[in-house]
C-alpha atoms as a PDB file:
ATOM      1  CA  MET A   1     117.831 101.899 127.284  1.00  0.00           C
ATOM      2  CA  ASP A   2     117.806  98.075 127.266  1.00  0.00           C
ATOM      3  CA  LEU A   3     119.385  96.464 124.179  1.00  0.00           C
ATOM      4  CA  VAL A   4     116.242  94.374 123.554  1.00  0.00           C
ATOM      5  CA  ASN A   5     114.182  97.572 123.276  1.00  0.00           C
ATOM      6  CA  HIS A   6     116.727  98.915 120.793  1.00  0.00           C
ATOM      7  CA  LEU A   7     116.285  95.812 118.622  1.00  0.00           C
ATOM      8  CA  THR A   8     112.494  96.034 118.482  1.00  0.00           C
ATOM      9  CA  ASP A   9     112.774  99.313 116.590  1.00  0.00           C
ATOM     10  CA  ARG A  10     115.408  98.127 114.124  1.00  0.00           C
ATOM     11  CA  LEU A  11     115.714  96.007 111.012  1.00  0.00           C
ATOM     12  CA  LEU A  12     117.716  92.878 111.891  1.00  0.00           C
ATOM     13  CA  PHE A  13     120.523  91.956 109.486  1.00  0.00           C
ATOM     14  CA  ALA A  14     122.392  88.659 110.049  1.00  0.00           C
ATOM     15  CA  ILE A  15     126.116  88.712 109.181  1.00  0.00           C
ATOM     16  CA  PRO A  16     128.671  85.845 109.278  1.00  0.00           C
ATOM     17  CA  LYS A  17     130.563  86.277 112.525  1.00  0.00           C
ATOM     18  CA  LYS A  18     134.069  85.306 111.403  1.00  0.00           C
ATOM     19  CA  GLY A  19     136.371  84.315 108.572  1.00  0.00           C
ATOM     20  CA  ARG A  20     136.469  85.431 104.955  1.00  0.00           C
ATOM     21  CA  LEU A  21     132.681  85.753 104.720  1.00  0.00           C
ATOM     22  CA  TYR A  22     132.770  88.185 107.659  1.00  0.00           C
ATOM     23  CA  GLN A  23     135.517  90.317 106.108  1.00  0.00           C
ATOM     24  CA  LYS A  24     133.804  90.509 102.722  1.00  0.00           C
ATOM     25  CA  SER A  25     130.428  91.229 104.332  1.00  0.00           C
ATOM     26  CA  VAL A  26     131.908  94.127 106.296  1.00  0.00           C
ATOM     27  CA  GLU A  27     133.350  95.553 103.055  1.00  0.00           C
ATOM     28  CA  ILE A  28     129.883  95.463 101.493  1.00  0.00           C
ATOM     29  CA  LEU A  29     128.324  97.086 104.574  1.00  0.00           C
ATOM     30  CA  ASN A  30     130.945  99.841 104.480  1.00  0.00           C
ATOM     31  CA  GLY A  31     130.390 100.359 100.751  1.00  0.00           C
ATOM     32  CA  SER A  32     126.646 100.584 101.405  1.00  0.00           C
ATOM     33  CA  ASP A  33     127.230 103.287 104.059  1.00  0.00           C
ATOM     34  CA  ILE A  34     125.855 101.176 106.890  1.00  0.00           C
ATOM     35  CA  LYS A  35     128.003 102.552 109.710  1.00  0.00           C
ATOM     36  CA  PHE A  36     128.597 100.524 112.872  1.00  0.00           C
ATOM     37  CA  HIS A  37     131.164  99.614 115.508  1.00  0.00           C
ATOM     38  CA  ARG A  38     131.376  96.014 116.678  1.00  0.00           C
ATOM     39  CA  SER A  39     132.661  95.322 120.149  1.00  0.00           C
ATOM     40  CA  GLN A  40     134.811  92.207 120.356  1.00  0.00           C
ATOM     41  CA  ARG A  41     132.651  90.951 123.223  1.00  0.00           C
ATOM     42  CA  LEU A  42     129.303  91.300 121.467  1.00  0.00           C
ATOM     43  CA  ASP A  43     127.658  89.593 118.521  1.00  0.00           C
ATOM     44  CA  ILE A  44     125.271  92.527 118.061  1.00  0.00           C
ATOM     45  CA  ALA A  45     126.176  95.951 116.650  1.00  0.00           C
ATOM     46  CA  LEU A  46     123.808  98.864 116.190  1.00  0.00           C
ATOM     47  CA  SER A  47     124.185 100.980 113.079  1.00  0.00           C
ATOM     48  CA  THR A  48     124.902 104.589 113.934  1.00  0.00           C
ATOM     49  CA  ASN A  49     123.231 106.084 110.845  1.00  0.00           C
ATOM     50  CA  LEU A  50     120.352 103.692 110.054  1.00  0.00           C
ATOM     51  CA  PRO A  51     117.746 101.877 112.187  1.00  0.00           C
ATOM     52  CA  VAL A  52     119.556  98.565 111.597  1.00  0.00           C
ATOM     53  CA  ALA A  53     120.951  96.029 114.053  1.00  0.00           C
ATOM     54  CA  LEU A  54     123.659  93.690 112.789  1.00  0.00           C
ATOM     55  CA  ILE A  55     123.501  90.209 114.316  1.00  0.00           C
ATOM     56  CA  PHE A  56     126.747  88.217 113.953  1.00  0.00           C
ATOM     57  CA  LEU A  57     126.040  84.498 113.611  1.00  0.00           C
ATOM     58  CA  PRO A  58     127.690  81.340 112.242  1.00  0.00           C
ATOM     59  CA  ALA A  59     127.072  81.265 108.478  1.00  0.00           C
ATOM     60  CA  ALA A  60     125.301  77.898 108.787  1.00  0.00           C
ATOM     61  CA  ASP A  61     122.745  79.349 111.253  1.00  0.00           C
ATOM     62  CA  ILE A  62     121.814  82.413 109.188  1.00  0.00           C
ATOM     63  CA  PRO A  63     119.333  80.650 106.841  1.00  0.00           C
ATOM     64  CA  MET A  64     117.283  79.463 109.845  1.00  0.00           C
ATOM     65  CA  PHE A  65     117.163  82.904 111.489  1.00  0.00           C
ATOM     66  CA  VAL A  66     116.149  84.585 108.224  1.00  0.00           C
ATOM     67  CA  GLY A  67     113.812  81.793 107.143  1.00  0.00           C
ATOM     68  CA  GLU A  68     111.911  81.926 110.418  1.00  0.00           C
ATOM     69  CA  GLY A  69     111.653  85.714 110.222  1.00  0.00           C
ATOM     70  CA  LYS A  70     113.851  86.328 113.272  1.00  0.00           C
ATOM     71  CA  CYS A  71     116.121  88.405 111.008  1.00  0.00           C
ATOM     72  CA  ASP A  72     114.932  90.339 107.965  1.00  0.00           C
ATOM     73  CA  LEU A  73     118.115  90.080 105.869  1.00  0.00           C
ATOM     74  CA  GLY A  74     121.261  88.002 105.973  1.00  0.00           C
ATOM     75  CA  ILE A  75     124.471  87.197 104.138  1.00  0.00           C
ATOM     76  CA  THR A  76     125.476  83.559 103.700  1.00  0.00           C
ATOM     77  CA  GLY A  77     126.334  80.989 101.057  1.00  0.00           C
ATOM     78  CA  VAL A  78     123.782  79.309  98.816  1.00  0.00           C
ATOM     79  CA  ASP A  79     125.232  76.007 100.074  1.00  0.00           C
ATOM     80  CA  GLN A  80     124.135  76.859 103.616  1.00  0.00           C
ATOM     81  CA  VAL A  81     120.630  77.780 102.423  1.00  0.00           C
ATOM     82  CA  ARG A  82     120.238  74.554 100.446  1.00  0.00           C
ATOM     83  CA  GLU A  83     121.729  72.426 103.236  1.00  0.00           C
ATOM     84  CA  ALA A  84     119.265  73.894 105.744  1.00  0.00           C
ATOM     85  CA  ASN A  85     116.431  73.440 103.215  1.00  0.00           C
ATOM     86  CA  ILE A  86     115.052  76.840 104.221  1.00  0.00           C
ATOM     87  CA  ASP A  87     112.687  78.847 102.004  1.00  0.00           C
ATOM     88  CA  VAL A  88     114.135  82.352 101.650  1.00  0.00           C
ATOM     89  CA  ASP A  89     114.555  84.831  98.818  1.00  0.00           C
ATOM     90  CA  LEU A  90     118.046  85.262  97.332  1.00  0.00           C
ATOM     91  CA  PRO A  91     117.817  88.704  95.705  1.00  0.00           C
ATOM     92  CA  ILE A  92     121.524  89.491  95.166  1.00  0.00           C
ATOM     93  CA  ASP A  93     124.569  87.379  94.295  1.00  0.00           C
ATOM     94  CA  LEU A  94     127.390  89.086  96.205  1.00  0.00           C
ATOM     95  CA  GLN A  95     130.022  87.554  93.921  1.00  0.00           C
ATOM     96  CA  PHE A  96     132.419  86.316  96.578  1.00  0.00           C
ATOM     97  CA  GLY A  97     132.943  82.955  98.236  1.00  0.00           C
ATOM     98  CA  SER A  98     132.421  81.218  94.895  1.00  0.00           C
ATOM     99  CA  CYS A  99     133.117  77.488  95.018  1.00  0.00           C
ATOM    100  CA  LYS A 100     131.674  74.080  94.148  1.00  0.00           C
ATOM    101  CA  LEU A 101     130.283  71.347  96.348  1.00  0.00           C
ATOM    102  CA  GLN A 102     131.856  68.319  94.705  1.00  0.00           C
ATOM    103  CA  VAL A 103     132.036  64.556  94.968  1.00  0.00           C
ATOM    104  CA  GLN A 104     135.698  63.696  95.492  1.00  0.00           C
ATOM    105  CA  VAL A 105     137.350  60.257  95.245  1.00  0.00           C
ATOM    106  CA  PRO A 106     140.947  58.995  95.589  1.00  0.00           C
ATOM    107  CA  ASN A 107     143.203  59.528  92.573  1.00  0.00           C
ATOM    108  CA  ASN A 108     143.776  56.395  90.508  1.00  0.00           C
ATOM    109  CA  GLY A 109     141.036  54.638  92.463  1.00  0.00           C
ATOM    110  CA  GLU A 110     138.253  52.419  91.151  1.00  0.00           C
ATOM    111  CA  PHE A 111     135.609  55.179  91.028  1.00  0.00           C
ATOM    112  CA  THR A 112     135.345  57.473  88.008  1.00  0.00           C
ATOM    113  CA  LYS A 113     131.658  58.447  88.079  1.00  0.00           C
ATOM    114  CA  PRO A 114     129.199  59.038  90.943  1.00  0.00           C
ATOM    115  CA  GLU A 115     126.919  56.133  89.958  1.00  0.00           C
ATOM    116  CA  GLN A 116     129.692  53.754  91.067  1.00  0.00           C
ATOM    117  CA  LEU A 117     129.361  55.108  94.612  1.00  0.00           C
ATOM    118  CA  VAL A 118     125.795  53.897  95.073  1.00  0.00           C
ATOM    119  CA  GLY A 119     125.757  51.675  98.166  1.00  0.00           C
ATOM    120  CA  LYS A 120     129.140  52.986  99.334  1.00  0.00           C
ATOM    121  CA  THR A 121     130.006  55.262 102.277  1.00  0.00           C
ATOM    122  CA  ILE A 122     130.226  59.021 101.744  1.00  0.00           C
ATOM    123  CA  VAL A 123     131.487  61.527 104.308  1.00  0.00           C
ATOM    124  CA  SER A 124     130.491  65.214 104.273  1.00  0.00           C
ATOM    125  CA  THR A 125     129.730  68.247 106.360  1.00  0.00           C
ATOM    126  CA  PHE A 126     126.780  68.805 104.012  1.00  0.00           C
ATOM    127  CA  THR A 127     124.885  65.621 104.805  1.00  0.00           C
ATOM    128  CA  ASN A 128     121.444  66.851 103.697  1.00  0.00           C
ATOM    129  CA  LEU A 129     122.650  67.916 100.254  1.00  0.00           C
ATOM    130  CA  THR A 130     124.652  64.715  99.930  1.00  0.00           C
ATOM    131  CA  LYS A 131     121.674  62.530 100.843  1.00  0.00           C
ATOM    132  CA  ARG A 132     119.450  64.352  98.359  1.00  0.00           C
ATOM    133  CA  TYR A 133     122.047  63.978  95.614  1.00  0.00           C
ATOM    134  CA  PHE A 134     122.588  60.251  96.090  1.00  0.00           C
ATOM    135  CA  ALA A 135     118.907  59.499  96.683  1.00  0.00           C
ATOM    136  CA  GLU A 136     118.185  61.114  93.312  1.00  0.00           C
ATOM    137  CA  LEU A 137     121.046  59.147  91.790  1.00  0.00           C
ATOM    138  CA  GLU A 138     119.511  55.918  93.122  1.00  0.00           C
ATOM    139  CA  GLY A 139     116.012  57.012  92.121  1.00  0.00           C
ATOM    140  CA  VAL A 140     114.598  56.382  95.603  1.00  0.00           C
ATOM    141  CA  SER A 141     113.593  58.380  98.673  1.00  0.00           C
ATOM    142  CA  GLU A 142     116.276  59.180 101.240  1.00  0.00           C
ATOM    143  CA  ASP A 143     114.940  56.639 103.721  1.00  0.00           C
ATOM    144  CA  LYS A 144     115.311  53.855 101.126  1.00  0.00           C
ATOM    145  CA  MET A 145     118.713  54.744  99.702  1.00  0.00           C
ATOM    146  CA  THR A 146     121.527  52.223 100.116  1.00  0.00           C
ATOM    147  CA  THR A 147     124.332  54.808 100.068  1.00  0.00           C
ATOM    148  CA  LYS A 148     125.562  55.612 103.577  1.00  0.00           C
ATOM    149  CA  VAL A 149     126.193  59.293 104.369  1.00  0.00           C
ATOM    150  CA  LYS A 150     128.195  60.174 107.489  1.00  0.00           C
ATOM    151  CA  TYR A 151     128.793  63.594 109.056  1.00  0.00           C
ATOM    152  CA  VAL A 152     132.283  64.973 109.699  1.00  0.00           C
ATOM    153  CA  GLY A 153     132.671  68.546 110.941  1.00  0.00           C
ATOM    154  CA  GLY A 154     136.210  69.192 109.700  1.00  0.00           C
ATOM    155  CA  SER A 155     139.180  67.712 107.814  1.00  0.00           C
ATOM    156  CA  VAL A 156     136.735  65.956 105.492  1.00  0.00           C
ATOM    157  CA  GLU A 157     139.483  65.432 102.913  1.00  0.00           C
ATOM    158  CA  ALA A 158     141.284  62.989 105.240  1.00  0.00           C
ATOM    159  CA  SER A 159     138.335  60.582 105.431  1.00  0.00           C
ATOM    160  CA  CYS A 160     139.272  58.443 102.425  1.00  0.00           C
ATOM    161  CA  ALA A 161     142.920  58.103 103.408  1.00  0.00           C
ATOM    162  CA  LEU A 162     141.882  57.008 106.917  1.00  0.00           C
ATOM    163  CA  GLY A 163     139.479  54.407 105.569  1.00  0.00           C
ATOM    164  CA  VAL A 164     136.386  56.126 106.936  1.00  0.00           C
ATOM    165  CA  ALA A 165     134.785  56.681 103.525  1.00  0.00           C
ATOM    166  CA  ASP A 166     134.876  55.638  99.885  1.00  0.00           C
ATOM    167  CA  ALA A 167     134.333  59.256  98.807  1.00  0.00           C
ATOM    168  CA  ILE A 168     133.640  62.676 100.229  1.00  0.00           C
ATOM    169  CA  VAL A 169     131.403  65.606  99.318  1.00  0.00           C
ATOM    170  CA  ASP A 170     133.035  68.921 100.181  1.00  0.00           C
ATOM    171  CA  LEU A 171     133.403  72.530  99.091  1.00  0.00           C
ATOM    172  CA  VAL A 172     136.198  73.152  96.589  1.00  0.00           C
ATOM    173  CA  GLU A 173     137.531  76.595  95.662  1.00  0.00           C
ATOM    174  CA  SER A 174     140.917  76.158  93.971  1.00  0.00           C
ATOM    175  CA  GLY A 175     141.164  72.378  94.440  1.00  0.00           C
ATOM    176  CA  GLU A 176     144.665  72.562  95.915  1.00  0.00           C
ATOM    177  CA  THR A 177     143.680  71.032  99.257  1.00  0.00           C
ATOM    178  CA  MET A 178     141.935  68.128  97.564  1.00  0.00           C
ATOM    179  CA  ARG A 179     144.839  67.459  95.212  1.00  0.00           C
ATOM    180  CA  ALA A 180     147.233  67.526  98.155  1.00  0.00           C
ATOM    181  CA  ALA A 181     145.038  64.912  99.852  1.00  0.00           C
ATOM    182  CA  GLY A 182     145.202  62.695  96.748  1.00  0.00           C
ATOM    183  CA  LEU A 183     141.611  63.357  95.684  1.00  0.00           C
ATOM    184  CA  THR A 184     139.960  64.253  92.394  1.00  0.00           C
ATOM    185  CA  ASP A 185     136.419  65.429  91.614  1.00  0.00           C
ATOM    186  CA  ILE A 186     133.998  63.293  89.614  1.00  0.00           C
ATOM    187  CA  ALA A 187     130.774  65.323  89.980  1.00  0.00           C
ATOM    188  CA  THR A 188     129.469  68.704  91.141  1.00  0.00           C
ATOM    189  CA  VAL A 189     126.539  68.695  93.534  1.00  0.00           C
ATOM    190  CA  LEU A 190     126.120  72.495  93.723  1.00  0.00           C
ATOM    191  CA  ASP A 191     127.696  75.743  92.508  1.00  0.00           C
ATOM    192  CA  THR A 192     127.609  78.250  95.326  1.00  0.00           C
ATOM    193  CA  SER A 193     128.565  81.794  96.316  1.00  0.00           C
ATOM    194  CA  ALA A 194     127.618  84.287  99.007  1.00  0.00           C
ATOM    195  CA  HIS A 195     124.192  85.896  98.565  1.00  0.00           C
ATOM    196  CA  LEU A 196     122.077  88.475 100.269  1.00  0.00           C
ATOM    197  CA  ILE A 197     119.103  86.506 101.559  1.00  0.00           C
ATOM    198  CA  GLN A 198     115.739  87.934 102.599  1.00  0.00           C
ATOM    199  CA  SER A 199     112.951  86.597 104.769  1.00  0.00           C
ATOM    200  CA  LYS A 200     109.671  85.890 103.023  1.00  0.00           C
ATOM    201  CA  HIS A 201     107.977  87.306 106.124  1.00  0.00           C
ATOM    202  CA  PRO A 202     110.120  90.297 107.169  1.00  0.00           C
ATOM    203  CA  LYS A 203     109.164  92.195 110.299  1.00  0.00           C
ATOM    204  CA  GLY A 204     111.336  95.221 109.540  1.00  0.00           C
ATOM    205  CA  ASP A 205     110.506  98.320 107.523  1.00  0.00           C
ATOM    206  CA  LEU A 206     109.967  97.226 103.910  1.00  0.00           C
ATOM    207  CA  GLU A 207     111.115 100.578 102.508  1.00  0.00           C
ATOM    208  CA  LEU A 208     114.353 100.301 104.490  1.00  0.00           C
ATOM    209  CA  ILE A 209     114.867  96.756 103.180  1.00  0.00           C
ATOM    210  CA  GLU A 210     114.544  98.039  99.616  1.00  0.00           C
ATOM    211  CA  THR A 211     116.956 100.898 100.384  1.00  0.00           C
ATOM    212  CA  ILE A 212     119.572  98.480 101.703  1.00  0.00           C
ATOM    213  CA  LYS A 213     119.137  96.180  98.697  1.00  0.00           C
ATOM    214  CA  SER A 214     119.512  99.159  96.349  1.00  0.00           C
ATOM    215  CA  ARG A 215     122.712 100.234  98.111  1.00  0.00           C
ATOM    216  CA  ILE A 216     124.185  96.737  97.941  1.00  0.00           C
ATOM    217  CA  GLU A 217     123.259  96.462  94.250  1.00  0.00           C
ATOM    218  CA  GLY A 218     125.123  99.744  93.763  1.00  0.00           C
ATOM    219  CA  VAL A 219     128.206  98.325  95.463  1.00  0.00           C
ATOM    220  CA  MET A 220     128.079  95.196  93.309  1.00  0.00           C
ATOM    221  CA  THR A 221     127.692  97.230  90.117  1.00  0.00           C
ATOM    222  CA  ALA A 222     130.578  99.497  91.132  1.00  0.00           C
ATOM    223  CA  GLN A 223     132.785  96.434  91.606  1.00  0.00           C
ATOM    224  CA  ARG A 224     131.928  95.135  88.159  1.00  0.00           C
ATOM    225  CA  TYR A 225     132.050  98.343  86.081  1.00  0.00           C
ATOM    226  CA  VAL A 226     134.260 101.372  85.478  1.00  0.00           C
ATOM    227  CA  TYR A 227     133.307 104.715  83.938  1.00  0.00           C
ATOM    228  CA  CYS A 228     134.810 105.356  80.502  1.00  0.00           C
ATOM    229  CA  THR A 229     134.870 108.678  78.662  1.00  0.00           C
ATOM    230  CA  TYR A 230     136.340 109.609  75.288  1.00  0.00           C
ATOM    231  CA  ASN A 231     136.007 112.049  72.408  1.00  0.00           C
ATOM    232  CA  ALA A 232     134.943 110.920  68.948  1.00  0.00           C
ATOM    233  CA  ALA A 233     133.979 112.234  65.554  1.00  0.00           C
ATOM    234  CA  LYS A 234     130.267 111.724  64.947  1.00  0.00           C
ATOM    235  CA  ILE A 235     131.034 109.812  61.776  1.00  0.00           C
ATOM    236  CA  SER A 236     132.773 107.136  63.901  1.00  0.00           C
ATOM    237  CA  LEU A 237     129.951 106.703  66.411  1.00  0.00           C
ATOM    238  CA  PRO A 238     128.273 103.608  64.889  1.00  0.00           C
ATOM    239  CA  ILE A 239     131.445 101.577  65.434  1.00  0.00           C
ATOM    240  CA  LEU A 240     132.450 103.155  68.763  1.00  0.00           C
ATOM    241  CA  LEU A 241     129.029 102.887  70.403  1.00  0.00           C
ATOM    242  CA  ALA A 242     128.935  99.195  69.531  1.00  0.00           C
ATOM    243  CA  ILE A 243     132.145  98.866  71.576  1.00  0.00           C
ATOM    244  CA  THR A 244     130.755 100.884  74.528  1.00  0.00           C
ATOM    245  CA  PRO A 245     126.966 100.450  74.537  1.00  0.00           C
ATOM    246  CA  GLY A 246     126.775 101.198  78.277  1.00  0.00           C
ATOM    247  CA  ARG A 247     124.359  99.449  80.625  1.00  0.00           C
ATOM    248  CA  LYS A 248     121.408 101.008  78.791  1.00  0.00           C
ATOM    249  CA  ALA A 249     122.855 103.693  76.546  1.00  0.00           C
ATOM    250  CA  PRO A 250     125.937 105.945  76.581  1.00  0.00           C
ATOM    251  CA  THR A 251     125.762 109.677  77.275  1.00  0.00           C
ATOM    252  CA  LEU A 252     126.684 111.932  74.326  1.00  0.00           C
ATOM    253  CA  THR A 253     127.691 115.588  74.674  1.00  0.00           C
ATOM    254  CA  ASN A 254     128.599 117.898  71.789  1.00  0.00           C
ATOM    255  CA  VAL A 255     132.127 119.327  71.960  1.00  0.00           C
ATOM    256  CA  GLY A 256     133.772 121.985  69.821  1.00  0.00           C
ATOM    257  CA  ASP A 257     132.129 124.642  67.658  1.00  0.00           C
ATOM    258  CA  ASP A 258     131.798 122.709  64.427  1.00  0.00           C
ATOM    259  CA  GLY A 259     129.319 120.123  65.747  1.00  0.00           C
ATOM    260  CA  GLU A 260     131.374 117.262  64.321  1.00  0.00           C
ATOM    261  CA  TRP A 261     132.683 115.865  67.623  1.00  0.00           C
ATOM    262  CA  VAL A 262     131.060 114.487  70.761  1.00  0.00           C
ATOM    263  CA  ALA A 263     132.194 113.380  74.206  1.00  0.00           C
ATOM    264  CA  VAL A 264     130.982 109.878  75.034  1.00  0.00           C
ATOM    265  CA  ALA A 265     130.532 108.510  78.568  1.00  0.00           C
ATOM    266  CA  ALA A 266     129.574 104.900  79.314  1.00  0.00           C
ATOM    267  CA  MET A 267     129.949 102.215  81.965  1.00  0.00           C
ATOM    268  CA  ILE A 268     132.117  99.325  80.776  1.00  0.00           C
ATOM    269  CA  GLU A 269     133.019  96.017  82.416  1.00  0.00           C
ATOM    270  CA  LYS A 270     136.129  96.377  84.553  1.00  0.00           C
ATOM    271  CA  ASN A 271     137.697  93.081  83.489  1.00  0.00           C
ATOM    272  CA  LYS A 272     137.438  94.081  79.807  1.00  0.00           C
ATOM    273  CA  LYS A 273     138.628  97.684  80.064  1.00  0.00           C
ATOM    274  CA  GLY A 274     142.054  97.093  78.476  1.00  0.00           C
ATOM    275  CA  ALA A 275     140.639  95.447  75.363  1.00  0.00           C
ATOM    276  CA  ILE A 276     137.855  98.036  75.111  1.00  0.00           C
ATOM    277  CA  MET A 277     140.298 100.954  75.297  1.00  0.00           C
ATOM    278  CA  ASP A 278     142.444  99.308  72.605  1.00  0.00           C
ATOM    279  CA  GLU A 279     139.424  98.944  70.319  1.00  0.00           C
ATOM    280  CA  LEU A 280     138.310 102.534  70.923  1.00  0.00           C
ATOM    281  CA  LYS A 281     141.718 103.924  69.984  1.00  0.00           C
ATOM    282  CA  LYS A 282     141.941 101.652  66.949  1.00  0.00           C
ATOM    283  CA  ASN A 283     138.612 103.016  65.696  1.00  0.00           C
ATOM    284  CA  GLY A 284     139.331 106.734  66.076  1.00  0.00           C
ATOM    285  CA  ALA A 285     138.451 107.620  69.685  1.00  0.00           C
ATOM    286  CA  THR A 286     140.711 110.114  71.456  1.00  0.00           C
ATOM    287  CA  ASP A 287     141.308 111.285  75.054  1.00  0.00           C
ATOM    288  CA  ILE A 288     140.152 107.944  76.438  1.00  0.00           C
ATOM    289  CA  ILE A 289     139.929 107.988  80.248  1.00  0.00           C
ATOM    290  CA  VAL A 290     138.679 105.341  82.680  1.00  0.00           C
ATOM    291  CA  PHE A 291     137.542 106.079  86.264  1.00  0.00           C
ATOM    292  CA  ASP A 292     136.804 103.676  89.111  1.00  0.00           C
ATOM    293  CA  ILE A 293     133.263 103.802  90.511  1.00  0.00           C
ATOM    294  CA  SER A 294     133.018 103.775  94.318  1.00  0.00           C
ATOM    295  CA  ASN A 295     129.227 103.348  94.352  1.00  0.00           C
ATOM    296  CA  CYS A 296     126.249 103.958  92.088  1.00  0.00           C
ATOM    297  CA  ARG A 297     122.515 103.398  91.639  1.00  0.00           C
ATOM    298  CA  VAL A 298     121.315 101.518  88.578  1.00  0.00           C
END
């Protein structure tokens, strides 16, 4: 059967086609049990267990495809959505690709705050966001702003050293690249991370969209939490349950014949598990065990 006919019967899900966003997106798809095989020659892969077609696109193009309803769901950065100025829903923060879109200037230069850059030349890959930021700073519309914004597709950090710009606006994760280029940040235009985005006018099956969102939420919860169990005397519960309140409430099960002890089970935040286990032991809990969660529904 023709591939186009296959696509008409499937929910279309746009995925970044390369780089770190691609790798992380594939991990989320695998965790959500969306099975597929991608041929190296194709930018389309059909799921083998769900009526879903994965469309592999540049991250910057995904907001347009989802915003126009060509794809029902997508994964891309908030920065790409805001730069494209596309109206889509952002139902789930996928908690990777976190960085800041920042105004950067030369170290030990004359500029220490963004207001000093009004009327100067700024270079960025994110020209729309940069124009909006500086137009607001000037208090005028973009067509009346005096600040000049130029587009550069790569190596933005070299623009100041080469005399092309007075400052740049670029994505910063650790800041090492900027420091190596002799730059320092003086303002943040946008905090961003990868999100699941959804068309406001999806053509795919709405129930399937909700199923996929539920699965992805389960993956995100499993990455954030671990499952903790321990035994405790009932008299100690007020203190112990304050330490492990769970997402809604812990599960209590009577243990032993005297009715004085219970087994407690609760989800706790993964990055706090060491301190939580220490507090539980300090306050009388015994047999404390923590398990990783591969997936869940919340």
